Amino acid sequence: MGSAADNTLASSIDLFLDWLATVRQYSPHTINNYRLDLHKLQAFANSRQITDAANINTADIRQWAARLHRDGLGGKSIQRALSSV
């Protein structure tokens, strides 16, 4: 886990997943699916040299969703990925 000042995307993902597990009490299955989706976003962001969560903008998310579609992901799966974010 990162500190409160650590805003890397990886740290933000870890903190969010921990919050889902402890506060929201999401099922392990749901958390795992969110983890997979968020790691796809992280890989996309890394390919654009974006490592800080605060630097991801709406256009980046739209381009990521378009990439998921081009990669053959179905509409419901893309919607879940967007919900993860």
PDB file of N, CA and C in Angstrom:
ATOM      1  N   MET A   1       0.836  -1.178   0.000  1.00  0.00           N
ATOM      2  CA  MET A   1       0.000   0.000   0.000  1.00  0.00           C
ATOM      3  C   MET A   1       0.880   1.239   0.000  1.00  0.00           C
ATOM      4  N   GLY A   2       0.405   2.262  -0.665  1.00  0.00           N
ATOM      5  CA  GLY A   2       1.132   3.514  -0.686  1.00  0.00           C
ATOM      6  C   GLY A   2       0.656   4.435   0.415  1.00  0.00           C
ATOM      7  N   SER A   3       1.412   5.491   0.608  1.00  0.00           N
ATOM      8  CA  SER A   3       1.017   6.488   1.584  1.00  0.00           C
ATOM      9  C   SER A   3      -0.070   7.360   1.002  1.00  0.00           C
ATOM     10  N   ALA A   4      -0.647   8.218   1.839  1.00  0.00           N
ATOM     11  CA  ALA A   4      -1.711   9.102   1.371  1.00  0.00           C
ATOM     12  C   ALA A   4      -1.208  10.024   0.274  1.00  0.00           C
ATOM     13  N   ALA A   5       0.089  10.346   0.295  1.00  0.00           N
ATOM     14  CA  ALA A   5       0.653  11.240  -0.710  1.00  0.00           C
ATOM     15  C   ALA A   5       1.032  10.502  -1.991  1.00  0.00           C
ATOM     16  N   ASP A   6       1.016   9.189  -1.961  1.00  0.00           N
ATOM     17  CA  ASP A   6       1.395   8.380  -3.121  1.00  0.00           C
ATOM     18  C   ASP A   6       0.201   8.282  -4.050  1.00  0.00           C
ATOM     19  N   ASN A   7       0.310   8.924  -5.219  1.00  0.00           N
ATOM     20  CA  ASN A   7      -0.818   8.967  -6.145  1.00  0.00           C
ATOM     21  C   ASN A   7      -0.541   8.168  -7.419  1.00  0.00           C
ATOM     22  N   THR A   8       0.400   7.212  -7.350  1.00  0.00           N
ATOM     23  CA  THR A   8       0.640   6.401  -8.528  1.00  0.00           C
ATOM     24  C   THR A   8      -0.616   5.597  -8.826  1.00  0.00           C
ATOM     25  N   LEU A   9      -0.783   5.276 -10.070  1.00  0.00           N
ATOM     26  CA  LEU A   9      -1.955   4.507 -10.473  1.00  0.00           C
ATOM     27  C   LEU A   9      -1.982   3.163  -9.766  1.00  0.00           C
ATOM     28  N   ALA A  10      -0.857   2.500  -9.673  1.00  0.00           N
ATOM     29  CA  ALA A  10      -0.794   1.197  -9.002  1.00  0.00           C
ATOM     30  C   ALA A  10      -1.229   1.311  -7.546  1.00  0.00           C
ATOM     31  N   SER A  11      -0.749   2.318  -6.852  1.00  0.00           N
ATOM     32  CA  SER A  11      -1.112   2.526  -5.454  1.00  0.00           C
ATOM     33  C   SER A  11      -2.596   2.853  -5.322  1.00  0.00           C
ATOM     34  N   SER A  12      -3.108   3.679  -6.222  1.00  0.00           N
ATOM     35  CA  SER A  12      -4.533   4.039  -6.188  1.00  0.00           C
ATOM     36  C   SER A  12      -5.411   2.812  -6.397  1.00  0.00           C
ATOM     37  N   ILE A  13      -5.002   1.937  -7.302  1.00  0.00           N
ATOM     38  CA  ILE A  13      -5.757   0.701  -7.552  1.00  0.00           C
ATOM     39  C   ILE A  13      -5.768  -0.167  -6.302  1.00  0.00           C
ATOM     40  N   ASP A  14      -4.607  -0.333  -5.678  1.00  0.00           N
ATOM     41  CA  ASP A  14      -4.520  -1.148  -4.466  1.00  0.00           C
ATOM     42  C   ASP A  14      -5.412  -0.593  -3.358  1.00  0.00           C
ATOM     43  N   LEU A  15      -5.371   0.710  -3.160  1.00  0.00           N
ATOM     44  CA  LEU A  15      -6.190   1.336  -2.118  1.00  0.00           C
ATOM     45  C   LEU A  15      -7.677   1.172  -2.414  1.00  0.00           C
ATOM     46  N   PHE A  16      -8.064   1.324  -3.669  1.00  0.00           N
ATOM     47  CA  PHE A  16      -9.463   1.192  -4.057  1.00  0.00           C
ATOM     48  C   PHE A  16      -9.957  -0.241  -3.837  1.00  0.00           C
ATOM     49  N   LEU A  17      -9.172  -1.213  -4.259  1.00  0.00           N
ATOM     50  CA  LEU A  17      -9.571  -2.610  -4.083  1.00  0.00           C
ATOM     51  C   LEU A  17      -9.667  -2.975  -2.606  1.00  0.00           C
ATOM     52  N   ASP A  18      -8.764  -2.453  -1.804  1.00  0.00           N
ATOM     53  CA  ASP A  18      -8.819  -2.686  -0.366  1.00  0.00           C
ATOM     54  C   ASP A  18     -10.085  -2.066   0.219  1.00  0.00           C
ATOM     55  N   TRP A  19     -10.448  -0.874  -0.229  1.00  0.00           N
ATOM     56  CA  TRP A  19     -11.665  -0.208   0.226  1.00  0.00           C
ATOM     57  C   TRP A  19     -12.902  -1.026  -0.155  1.00  0.00           C
ATOM     58  N   LEU A  20     -12.917  -1.544  -1.383  1.00  0.00           N
ATOM     59  CA  LEU A  20     -14.056  -2.368  -1.807  1.00  0.00           C
ATOM     60  C   LEU A  20     -14.212  -3.598  -0.911  1.00  0.00           C
ATOM     61  N   ALA A  21     -13.078  -4.181  -0.527  1.00  0.00           N
ATOM     62  CA  ALA A  21     -13.117  -5.396   0.294  1.00  0.00           C
ATOM     63  C   ALA A  21     -13.517  -5.101   1.737  1.00  0.00           C
ATOM     64  N   THR A  22     -12.949  -4.056   2.307  1.00  0.00           N
ATOM     65  CA  THR A  22     -13.151  -3.822   3.736  1.00  0.00           C
ATOM     66  C   THR A  22     -14.372  -2.964   4.050  1.00  0.00           C
ATOM     67  N   VAL A  23     -14.589  -1.922   3.296  1.00  0.00           N
ATOM     68  CA  VAL A  23     -15.686  -1.007   3.591  1.00  0.00           C
ATOM     69  C   VAL A  23     -16.973  -1.434   2.896  1.00  0.00           C
ATOM     70  N   ARG A  24     -16.876  -1.666   1.608  1.00  0.00           N
ATOM     71  CA  ARG A  24     -18.067  -2.038   0.838  1.00  0.00           C
ATOM     72  C   ARG A  24     -18.382  -3.524   0.926  1.00  0.00           C
ATOM     73  N   GLN A  25     -17.402  -4.314   1.356  1.00  0.00           N
ATOM     74  CA  GLN A  25     -17.530  -5.759   1.515  1.00  0.00           C
ATOM     75  C   GLN A  25     -17.996  -6.464   0.236  1.00  0.00           C
ATOM     76  N   TYR A  26     -17.386  -6.066  -0.882  1.00  0.00           N
ATOM     77  CA  TYR A  26     -17.655  -6.740  -2.149  1.00  0.00           C
ATOM     78  C   TYR A  26     -17.122  -8.169  -2.077  1.00  0.00           C
ATOM     79  N   SER A  27     -17.695  -9.030  -2.878  1.00  0.00           N
ATOM     80  CA  SER A  27     -17.256 -10.420  -2.894  1.00  0.00           C
ATOM     81  C   SER A  27     -15.855 -10.522  -3.507  1.00  0.00           C
ATOM     82  N   PRO A  28     -15.106 -11.560  -3.115  1.00  0.00           N
ATOM     83  CA  PRO A  28     -13.781 -11.770  -3.706  1.00  0.00           C
ATOM     84  C   PRO A  28     -13.847 -11.876  -5.240  1.00  0.00           C
ATOM     85  N   HIS A  29     -14.903 -12.488  -5.756  1.00  0.00           N
ATOM     86  CA  HIS A  29     -15.065 -12.623  -7.209  1.00  0.00           C
ATOM     87  C   HIS A  29     -15.189 -11.248  -7.876  1.00  0.00           C
ATOM     88  N   THR A  30     -16.004 -10.377  -7.309  1.00  0.00           N
ATOM     89  CA  THR A  30     -16.170  -9.036  -7.860  1.00  0.00           C
ATOM     90  C   THR A  30     -14.875  -8.255  -7.776  1.00  0.00           C
ATOM     91  N   ILE A  31     -14.201  -8.344  -6.656  1.00  0.00           N
ATOM     92  CA  ILE A  31     -12.933  -7.626  -6.489  1.00  0.00           C
ATOM     93  C   ILE A  31     -11.902  -8.123  -7.487  1.00  0.00           C
ATOM     94  N   ASN A  32     -11.866  -9.426  -7.723  1.00  0.00           N
ATOM     95  CA  ASN A  32     -10.923  -9.959  -8.707  1.00  0.00           C
ATOM     96  C   ASN A  32     -11.224  -9.434 -10.107  1.00  0.00           C
ATOM     97  N   ASN A  33     -12.511  -9.368 -10.472  1.00  0.00           N
ATOM     98  CA  ASN A  33     -12.869  -8.830 -11.781  1.00  0.00           C
ATOM     99  C   ASN A  33     -12.495  -7.358 -11.904  1.00  0.00           C
ATOM    100  N   TYR A  34     -12.745  -6.596 -10.847  1.00  0.00           N
ATOM    101  CA  TYR A  34     -12.343  -5.186 -10.857  1.00  0.00           C
ATOM    102  C   TYR A  34     -10.827  -5.080 -10.992  1.00  0.00           C
ATOM    103  N   ARG A  35     -10.088  -5.946 -10.274  1.00  0.00           N
ATOM    104  CA  ARG A  35      -8.620  -5.928 -10.353  1.00  0.00           C
ATOM    105  C   ARG A  35      -8.160  -6.161 -11.794  1.00  0.00           C
ATOM    106  N   LEU A  36      -8.752  -7.151 -12.456  1.00  0.00           N
ATOM    107  CA  LEU A  36      -8.374  -7.431 -13.838  1.00  0.00           C
ATOM    108  C   LEU A  36      -8.650  -6.231 -14.738  1.00  0.00           C
ATOM    109  N   ASP A  37      -9.819  -5.621 -14.577  1.00  0.00           N
ATOM    110  CA  ASP A  37     -10.174  -4.450 -15.381  1.00  0.00           C
ATOM    111  C   ASP A  37      -9.220  -3.285 -15.123  1.00  0.00           C
ATOM    112  N   LEU A  38      -8.942  -3.042 -13.861  1.00  0.00           N
ATOM    113  CA  LEU A  38      -8.084  -1.907 -13.517  1.00  0.00           C
ATOM    114  C   LEU A  38      -6.633  -2.135 -13.944  1.00  0.00           C
ATOM    115  N   HIS A  39      -6.195  -3.379 -13.950  1.00  0.00           N
ATOM    116  CA  HIS A  39      -4.847  -3.654 -14.437  1.00  0.00           C
ATOM    117  C   HIS A  39      -4.764  -3.466 -15.955  1.00  0.00           C
ATOM    118  N   LYS A  40      -5.872  -3.707 -16.650  1.00  0.00           N
ATOM    119  CA  LYS A  40      -5.912  -3.392 -18.087  1.00  0.00           C
ATOM    120  C   LYS A  40      -5.783  -1.893 -18.293  1.00  0.00           C
ATOM    121  N   LEU A  41      -6.477  -1.118 -17.467  1.00  0.00           N
ATOM    122  CA  LEU A  41      -6.351   0.341 -17.552  1.00  0.00           C
ATOM    123  C   LEU A  41      -4.923   0.767 -17.237  1.00  0.00           C
ATOM    124  N   GLN A  42      -4.334   0.155 -16.225  1.00  0.00           N
ATOM    125  CA  GLN A  42      -2.963   0.498 -15.856  1.00  0.00           C
ATOM    126  C   GLN A  42      -1.996   0.212 -16.999  1.00  0.00           C
ATOM    127  N   ALA A  43      -2.147  -0.919 -17.669  1.00  0.00           N
ATOM    128  CA  ALA A  43      -1.278  -1.249 -18.805  1.00  0.00           C
ATOM    129  C   ALA A  43      -1.464  -0.228 -19.928  1.00  0.00           C
ATOM    130  N   PHE A  44      -2.718   0.142 -20.186  1.00  0.00           N
ATOM    131  CA  PHE A  44      -3.004   1.155 -21.207  1.00  0.00           C
ATOM    132  C   PHE A  44      -2.344   2.481 -20.823  1.00  0.00           C
ATOM    133  N   ALA A  45      -2.517   2.890 -19.576  1.00  0.00           N
ATOM    134  CA  ALA A  45      -1.933   4.154 -19.112  1.00  0.00           C
ATOM    135  C   ALA A  45      -0.408   4.106 -19.190  1.00  0.00           C
ATOM    136  N   ASN A  46       0.174   2.990 -18.772  1.00  0.00           N
ATOM    137  CA  ASN A  46       1.632   2.857 -18.833  1.00  0.00           C
ATOM    138  C   ASN A  46       2.144   2.972 -20.260  1.00  0.00           C
ATOM    139  N   SER A  47       1.378   2.456 -21.215  1.00  0.00           N
ATOM    140  CA  SER A  47       1.806   2.549 -22.616  1.00  0.00           C
ATOM    141  C   SER A  47       1.820   3.993 -23.104  1.00  0.00           C
ATOM    142  N   ARG A  48       1.134   4.861 -22.378  1.00  0.00           N
ATOM    143  CA  ARG A  48       1.097   6.293 -22.697  1.00  0.00           C
ATOM    144  C   ARG A  48       1.932   7.106 -21.712  1.00  0.00           C
ATOM    145  N   GLN A  49       2.767   6.418 -20.937  1.00  0.00           N
ATOM    146  CA  GLN A  49       3.620   7.030 -19.927  1.00  0.00           C
ATOM    147  C   GLN A  49       2.812   7.806 -18.875  1.00  0.00           C
ATOM    148  N   ILE A  50       1.616   7.318 -18.550  1.00  0.00           N
ATOM    149  CA  ILE A  50       0.803   7.903 -17.485  1.00  0.00           C
ATOM    150  C   ILE A  50       0.935   6.974 -16.277  1.00  0.00           C
ATOM    151  N   THR A  51       1.537   7.484 -15.215  1.00  0.00           N
ATOM    152  CA  THR A  51       1.714   6.675 -14.012  1.00  0.00           C
ATOM    153  C   THR A  51       0.998   7.271 -12.808  1.00  0.00           C
ATOM    154  N   ASP A  52       0.509   8.488 -12.942  1.00  0.00           N
ATOM    155  CA  ASP A  52      -0.173   9.178 -11.858  1.00  0.00           C
ATOM    156  C   ASP A  52      -1.676   9.128 -12.114  1.00  0.00           C
ATOM    157  N   ALA A  53      -2.422   8.642 -11.144  1.00  0.00           N
ATOM    158  CA  ALA A  53      -3.872   8.501 -11.303  1.00  0.00           C
ATOM    159  C   ALA A  53      -4.540   9.819 -11.674  1.00  0.00           C
ATOM    160  N   ALA A  54      -4.026  10.915 -11.156  1.00  0.00           N
ATOM    161  CA  ALA A  54      -4.631  12.227 -11.409  1.00  0.00           C
ATOM    162  C   ALA A  54      -4.451  12.682 -12.857  1.00  0.00           C
ATOM    163  N   ASN A  55      -3.559  12.051 -13.582  1.00  0.00           N
ATOM    164  CA  ASN A  55      -3.299  12.468 -14.966  1.00  0.00           C
ATOM    165  C   ASN A  55      -4.132  11.717 -15.992  1.00  0.00           C
ATOM    166  N   ILE A  56      -4.980  10.812 -15.555  1.00  0.00           N
ATOM    167  CA  ILE A  56      -5.882  10.127 -16.482  1.00  0.00           C
ATOM    168  C   ILE A  56      -7.113  10.999 -16.647  1.00  0.00           C
ATOM    169  N   ASN A  57      -7.441  11.306 -17.899  1.00  0.00           N
ATOM    170  CA  ASN A  57      -8.594  12.171 -18.141  1.00  0.00           C
ATOM    171  C   ASN A  57      -9.675  11.423 -18.924  1.00  0.00           C
ATOM    172  N   THR A  58     -10.766  12.109 -19.179  1.00  0.00           N
ATOM    173  CA  THR A  58     -11.908  11.504 -19.860  1.00  0.00           C
ATOM    174  C   THR A  58     -11.526  10.964 -21.229  1.00  0.00           C
ATOM    175  N   ALA A  59     -10.721  11.709 -21.964  1.00  0.00           N
ATOM    176  CA  ALA A  59     -10.301  11.248 -23.293  1.00  0.00           C
ATOM    177  C   ALA A  59      -9.515   9.941 -23.195  1.00  0.00           C
ATOM    178  N   ASP A  60      -8.674   9.819 -22.179  1.00  0.00           N
ATOM    179  CA  ASP A  60      -7.916   8.573 -21.983  1.00  0.00           C
ATOM    180  C   ASP A  60      -8.859   7.405 -21.739  1.00  0.00           C
ATOM    181  N   ILE A  61      -9.865   7.617 -20.903  1.00  0.00           N
ATOM    182  CA  ILE A  61     -10.822   6.551 -20.590  1.00  0.00           C
ATOM    183  C   ILE A  61     -11.594   6.150 -21.847  1.00  0.00           C
ATOM    184  N   ARG A  62     -11.992   7.119 -22.642  1.00  0.00           N
ATOM    185  CA  ARG A  62     -12.708   6.817 -23.894  1.00  0.00           C
ATOM    186  C   ARG A  62     -11.834   6.032 -24.857  1.00  0.00           C
ATOM    187  N   GLN A  63     -10.566   6.411 -24.950  1.00  0.00           N
ATOM    188  CA  GLN A  63      -9.647   5.691 -25.837  1.00  0.00           C
ATOM    189  C   GLN A  63      -9.410   4.279 -25.326  1.00  0.00           C
ATOM    190  N   TRP A  64      -9.332   4.127 -24.024  1.00  0.00           N
ATOM    191  CA  TRP A  64      -9.164   2.796 -23.433  1.00  0.00           C
ATOM    192  C   TRP A  64     -10.379   1.924 -23.739  1.00  0.00           C
ATOM    193  N   ALA A  65     -11.586   2.476 -23.574  1.00  0.00           N
ATOM    194  CA  ALA A  65     -12.803   1.719 -23.868  1.00  0.00           C
ATOM    195  C   ALA A  65     -12.847   1.330 -25.348  1.00  0.00           C
ATOM    196  N   ALA A  66     -12.427   2.232 -26.210  1.00  0.00           N
ATOM    197  CA  ALA A  66     -12.383   1.923 -27.645  1.00  0.00           C
ATOM    198  C   ALA A  66     -11.382   0.809 -27.916  1.00  0.00           C
ATOM    199  N   ARG A  67     -10.258   0.827 -27.222  1.00  0.00           N
ATOM    200  CA  ARG A  67      -9.254  -0.239 -27.378  1.00  0.00           C
ATOM    201  C   ARG A  67      -9.835  -1.567 -26.932  1.00  0.00           C
ATOM    202  N   LEU A  68     -10.559  -1.582 -25.797  1.00  0.00           N
ATOM    203  CA  LEU A  68     -11.179  -2.824 -25.325  1.00  0.00           C
ATOM    204  C   LEU A  68     -12.142  -3.364 -26.378  1.00  0.00           C
ATOM    205  N   HIS A  69     -12.901  -2.468 -26.993  1.00  0.00           N
ATOM    206  CA  HIS A  69     -13.847  -2.873 -28.046  1.00  0.00           C
ATOM    207  C   HIS A  69     -13.101  -3.457 -29.244  1.00  0.00           C
ATOM    208  N   ARG A  70     -12.045  -2.772 -29.679  1.00  0.00           N
ATOM    209  CA  ARG A  70     -11.246  -3.268 -30.814  1.00  0.00           C
ATOM    210  C   ARG A  70     -10.614  -4.611 -30.504  1.00  0.00           C
ATOM    211  N   ASP A  71     -10.312  -4.835 -29.224  1.00  0.00           N
ATOM    212  CA  ASP A  71      -9.712  -6.107 -28.812  1.00  0.00           C
ATOM    213  C   ASP A  71     -10.744  -7.214 -28.679  1.00  0.00           C
ATOM    214  N   GLY A  72     -12.024  -6.897 -28.970  1.00  0.00           N
ATOM    215  CA  GLY A  72     -13.059  -7.920 -28.998  1.00  0.00           C
ATOM    216  C   GLY A  72     -13.875  -8.073 -27.729  1.00  0.00           C
ATOM    217  N   LEU A  73     -13.684  -7.195 -26.755  1.00  0.00           N
ATOM    218  CA  LEU A  73     -14.459  -7.282 -25.523  1.00  0.00           C
ATOM    219  C   LEU A  73     -15.900  -6.870 -25.809  1.00  0.00           C
ATOM    220  N   GLY A  74     -16.845  -7.593 -25.240  1.00  0.00           N
ATOM    221  CA  GLY A  74     -18.263  -7.326 -25.438  1.00  0.00           C
ATOM    222  C   GLY A  74     -18.730  -6.097 -24.676  1.00  0.00           C
ATOM    223  N   GLY A  75     -19.897  -5.612 -25.042  1.00  0.00           N
ATOM    224  CA  GLY A  75     -20.447  -4.408 -24.448  1.00  0.00           C
ATOM    225  C   GLY A  75     -20.627  -4.481 -22.944  1.00  0.00           C
ATOM    226  N   LYS A  76     -21.139  -5.597 -22.437  1.00  0.00           N
ATOM    227  CA  LYS A  76     -21.336  -5.736 -20.990  1.00  0.00           C
ATOM    228  C   LYS A  76     -20.006  -5.754 -20.252  1.00  0.00           C
ATOM    229  N   SER A  77     -19.016  -6.379 -20.848  1.00  0.00           N
ATOM    230  CA  SER A  77     -17.693  -6.423 -20.217  1.00  0.00           C
ATOM    231  C   SER A  77     -17.040  -5.046 -20.215  1.00  0.00           C
ATOM    232  N   ILE A  78     -17.227  -4.305 -21.291  1.00  0.00           N
ATOM    233  CA  ILE A  78     -16.696  -2.944 -21.335  1.00  0.00           C
ATOM    234  C   ILE A  78     -17.400  -2.080 -20.291  1.00  0.00           C
ATOM    235  N   GLN A  79     -18.712  -2.257 -20.162  1.00  0.00           N
ATOM    236  CA  GLN A  79     -19.447  -1.491 -19.154  1.00  0.00           C
ATOM    237  C   GLN A  79     -18.950  -1.809 -17.748  1.00  0.00           C
ATOM    238  N   ARG A  80     -18.674  -3.083 -17.475  1.00  0.00           N
ATOM    239  CA  ARG A  80     -18.136  -3.439 -16.156  1.00  0.00           C
ATOM    240  C   ARG A  80     -16.768  -2.801 -15.956  1.00  0.00           C
ATOM    241  N   ALA A  81     -15.933  -2.807 -16.999  1.00  0.00           N
ATOM    242  CA  ALA A  81     -14.619  -2.186 -16.898  1.00  0.00           C
ATOM    243  C   ALA A  81     -14.749  -0.695 -16.593  1.00  0.00           C
ATOM    244  N   LEU A  82     -15.695  -0.042 -17.244  1.00  0.00           N
ATOM    245  CA  LEU A  82     -15.918   1.373 -16.974  1.00  0.00           C
ATOM    246  C   LEU A  82     -16.443   1.593 -15.560  1.00  0.00           C
ATOM    247  N   SER A  83     -17.285   0.685 -15.096  1.00  0.00           N
ATOM    248  CA  SER A  83     -17.778   0.769 -13.722  1.00  0.00           C
ATOM    249  C   SER A  83     -16.635   0.585 -12.723  1.00  0.00           C
ATOM    250  N   SER A  84     -15.689  -0.258 -13.060  1.00  0.00           N
ATOM    251  CA  SER A  84     -14.530  -0.461 -12.207  1.00  0.00           C
ATOM    252  C   SER A  84     -13.764   0.841 -12.012  1.00  0.00           C
ATOM    253  N   VAL A  85     -13.665   1.579 -13.087  1.00  0.00           N
ATOM    254  CA  VAL A  85     -12.943   2.842 -13.028  1.00  0.00           C
ATOM    255  C   VAL A  85     -13.761   3.867 -12.276  1.00  0.00           C
TER     256      VAL A  85
END
